[in-house]
Amino acid sequence: MIFIRSEKTGSVYTLDPNTQTELYYTPMMNDGEFATCFNDNDWTAVDWMHVTFGEEEWIKPYLENIHNLLLEEVTQ
């Protein structure tokens, strides 16, 4: 699995290992560690509807960029 850490959001991002398309996140601990075992208890799918309508303006393009970077990595 490929992970992208974001200090800006305090989360780590990856793609669903089954589909390799859906963006998931988990929070980073204070020491920068995070749950490396992908499961429903630790990882949550990004809710794009919430990101589009319920977050600050910068977050959607920021997450889209992370998503695109991960998609590029898995297609190489």
C-alpha atoms as a PDB file:
ATOM      1  CA  MET A   1       0.000   0.000   0.000  1.00  0.00           C
ATOM      2  CA  ILE A   2       1.072   3.519  -0.733  1.00  0.00           C
ATOM      3  CA  PHE A   3       0.463   6.185   1.894  1.00  0.00           C
ATOM      4  CA  ILE A   4       0.570   9.967   1.776  1.00  0.00           C
ATOM      5  CA  ARG A   5       0.964  11.790   5.089  1.00  0.00           C
ATOM      6  CA  SER A   6      -0.483  15.263   5.413  1.00  0.00           C
ATOM      7  CA  GLU A   7       0.633  17.467   8.255  1.00  0.00           C
ATOM      8  CA  LYS A   8      -1.856  20.035   6.960  1.00  0.00           C
ATOM      9  CA  THR A   9      -4.880  17.809   7.689  1.00  0.00           C
ATOM     10  CA  GLY A  10      -3.298  15.597  10.353  1.00  0.00           C
ATOM     11  CA  SER A  11      -4.245  12.496   8.373  1.00  0.00           C
ATOM     12  CA  VAL A  12      -2.728   9.792   6.223  1.00  0.00           C
ATOM     13  CA  TYR A  13      -4.305   8.845   2.898  1.00  0.00           C
ATOM     14  CA  THR A  14      -4.349   5.688   0.807  1.00  0.00           C
ATOM     15  CA  LEU A  15      -6.535   3.920  -1.722  1.00  0.00           C
ATOM     16  CA  ASP A  16      -8.891   1.068  -0.908  1.00  0.00           C
ATOM     17  CA  PRO A  17      -6.691  -2.011  -1.434  1.00  0.00           C
ATOM     18  CA  ASN A  18      -9.553  -3.901  -3.093  1.00  0.00           C
ATOM     19  CA  THR A  19     -10.569  -1.344  -5.720  1.00  0.00           C
ATOM     20  CA  GLN A  20      -7.436   0.846  -5.839  1.00  0.00           C
ATOM     21  CA  THR A  21      -9.735   3.782  -6.613  1.00  0.00           C
ATOM     22  CA  GLU A  22     -11.520   5.023  -3.483  1.00  0.00           C
ATOM     23  CA  LEU A  23      -9.647   7.463  -1.230  1.00  0.00           C
ATOM     24  CA  TYR A  24      -9.438   6.582   2.477  1.00  0.00           C
ATOM     25  CA  TYR A  25      -7.913   8.375   5.450  1.00  0.00           C
ATOM     26  CA  THR A  26      -6.859   7.729   9.025  1.00  0.00           C
ATOM     27  CA  PRO A  27      -5.642  10.204  11.654  1.00  0.00           C
ATOM     28  CA  MET A  28      -1.961  10.520  12.477  1.00  0.00           C
ATOM     29  CA  MET A  29      -0.919  10.113  16.079  1.00  0.00           C
ATOM     30  CA  ASN A  30       1.093  12.860  17.791  1.00  0.00           C
ATOM     31  CA  ASP A  31       4.311  10.997  17.009  1.00  0.00           C
ATOM     32  CA  GLY A  32       3.412  10.716  13.303  1.00  0.00           C
ATOM     33  CA  GLU A  33       2.480   7.045  13.484  1.00  0.00           C
ATOM     34  CA  PHE A  34      -0.749   5.741  11.970  1.00  0.00           C
ATOM     35  CA  ALA A  35      -2.722   2.530  11.509  1.00  0.00           C
ATOM     36  CA  THR A  36      -0.949   0.604   8.748  1.00  0.00           C
ATOM     37  CA  CYS A  37      -3.406  -2.296   8.794  1.00  0.00           C
ATOM     38  CA  PHE A  38      -6.280  -1.381   6.493  1.00  0.00           C
ATOM     39  CA  ASN A  39      -9.642  -2.052   8.157  1.00  0.00           C
ATOM     40  CA  ASP A  40     -12.994  -0.377   8.727  1.00  0.00           C
ATOM     41  CA  ASN A  41     -12.157   0.468  12.336  1.00  0.00           C
ATOM     42  CA  ASP A  42      -9.116   2.597  11.527  1.00  0.00           C
ATOM     43  CA  TRP A  43      -9.688   3.823   7.965  1.00  0.00           C
ATOM     44  CA  THR A  44     -12.625   5.871   6.633  1.00  0.00           C
ATOM     45  CA  ALA A  45     -13.625   6.612   3.047  1.00  0.00           C
ATOM     46  CA  VAL A  46     -13.413  10.289   2.149  1.00  0.00           C
ATOM     47  CA  ASP A  47     -16.946  11.676   1.975  1.00  0.00           C
ATOM     48  CA  TRP A  48     -16.714  13.809  -1.156  1.00  0.00           C
ATOM     49  CA  MET A  49     -20.173  15.312  -0.606  1.00  0.00           C
ATOM     50  CA  HIS A  50     -19.070  16.592   2.800  1.00  0.00           C
ATOM     51  CA  VAL A  51     -15.745  17.764   1.383  1.00  0.00           C
ATOM     52  CA  THR A  52     -17.546  19.693  -1.364  1.00  0.00           C
ATOM     53  CA  PHE A  53     -20.218  21.349   0.772  1.00  0.00           C
ATOM     54  CA  GLY A  54     -19.086  21.176   4.378  1.00  0.00           C
ATOM     55  CA  GLU A  55     -15.384  22.008   4.496  1.00  0.00           C
ATOM     56  CA  GLU A  56     -13.184  25.035   3.982  1.00  0.00           C
ATOM     57  CA  GLU A  57     -12.604  25.953   0.344  1.00  0.00           C
ATOM     58  CA  TRP A  58      -8.981  24.721   0.160  1.00  0.00           C
ATOM     59  CA  ILE A  59      -9.690  21.130   1.233  1.00  0.00           C
ATOM     60  CA  LYS A  60     -11.389  19.795  -1.913  1.00  0.00           C
ATOM     61  CA  PRO A  61      -8.578  20.588  -4.380  1.00  0.00           C
ATOM     62  CA  TYR A  62      -6.044  19.497  -1.759  1.00  0.00           C
ATOM     63  CA  LEU A  63      -7.672  16.071  -1.370  1.00  0.00           C
ATOM     64  CA  GLU A  64      -8.230  15.754  -5.120  1.00  0.00           C
ATOM     65  CA  ASN A  65      -4.496  16.255  -5.594  1.00  0.00           C
ATOM     66  CA  ILE A  66      -3.682  13.553  -3.020  1.00  0.00           C
ATOM     67  CA  HIS A  67      -6.190  11.218  -4.680  1.00  0.00           C
ATOM     68  CA  ASN A  68      -4.672  11.827  -8.121  1.00  0.00           C
ATOM     69  CA  LEU A  69      -1.128  11.257  -6.841  1.00  0.00           C
ATOM     70  CA  LEU A  70      -2.151   7.910  -5.352  1.00  0.00           C
ATOM     71  CA  LEU A  71      -4.009   6.890  -8.524  1.00  0.00           C
ATOM     72  CA  GLU A  72      -0.919   7.710 -10.605  1.00  0.00           C
ATOM     73  CA  GLU A  73       1.265   5.570  -8.342  1.00  0.00           C
ATOM     74  CA  VAL A  74      -0.939   2.471  -8.617  1.00  0.00           C
ATOM     75  CA  THR A  75      -1.193   2.714 -12.394  1.00  0.00           C
ATOM     76  CA  GLN A  76       2.585   2.776 -12.912  1.00  0.00           C
END
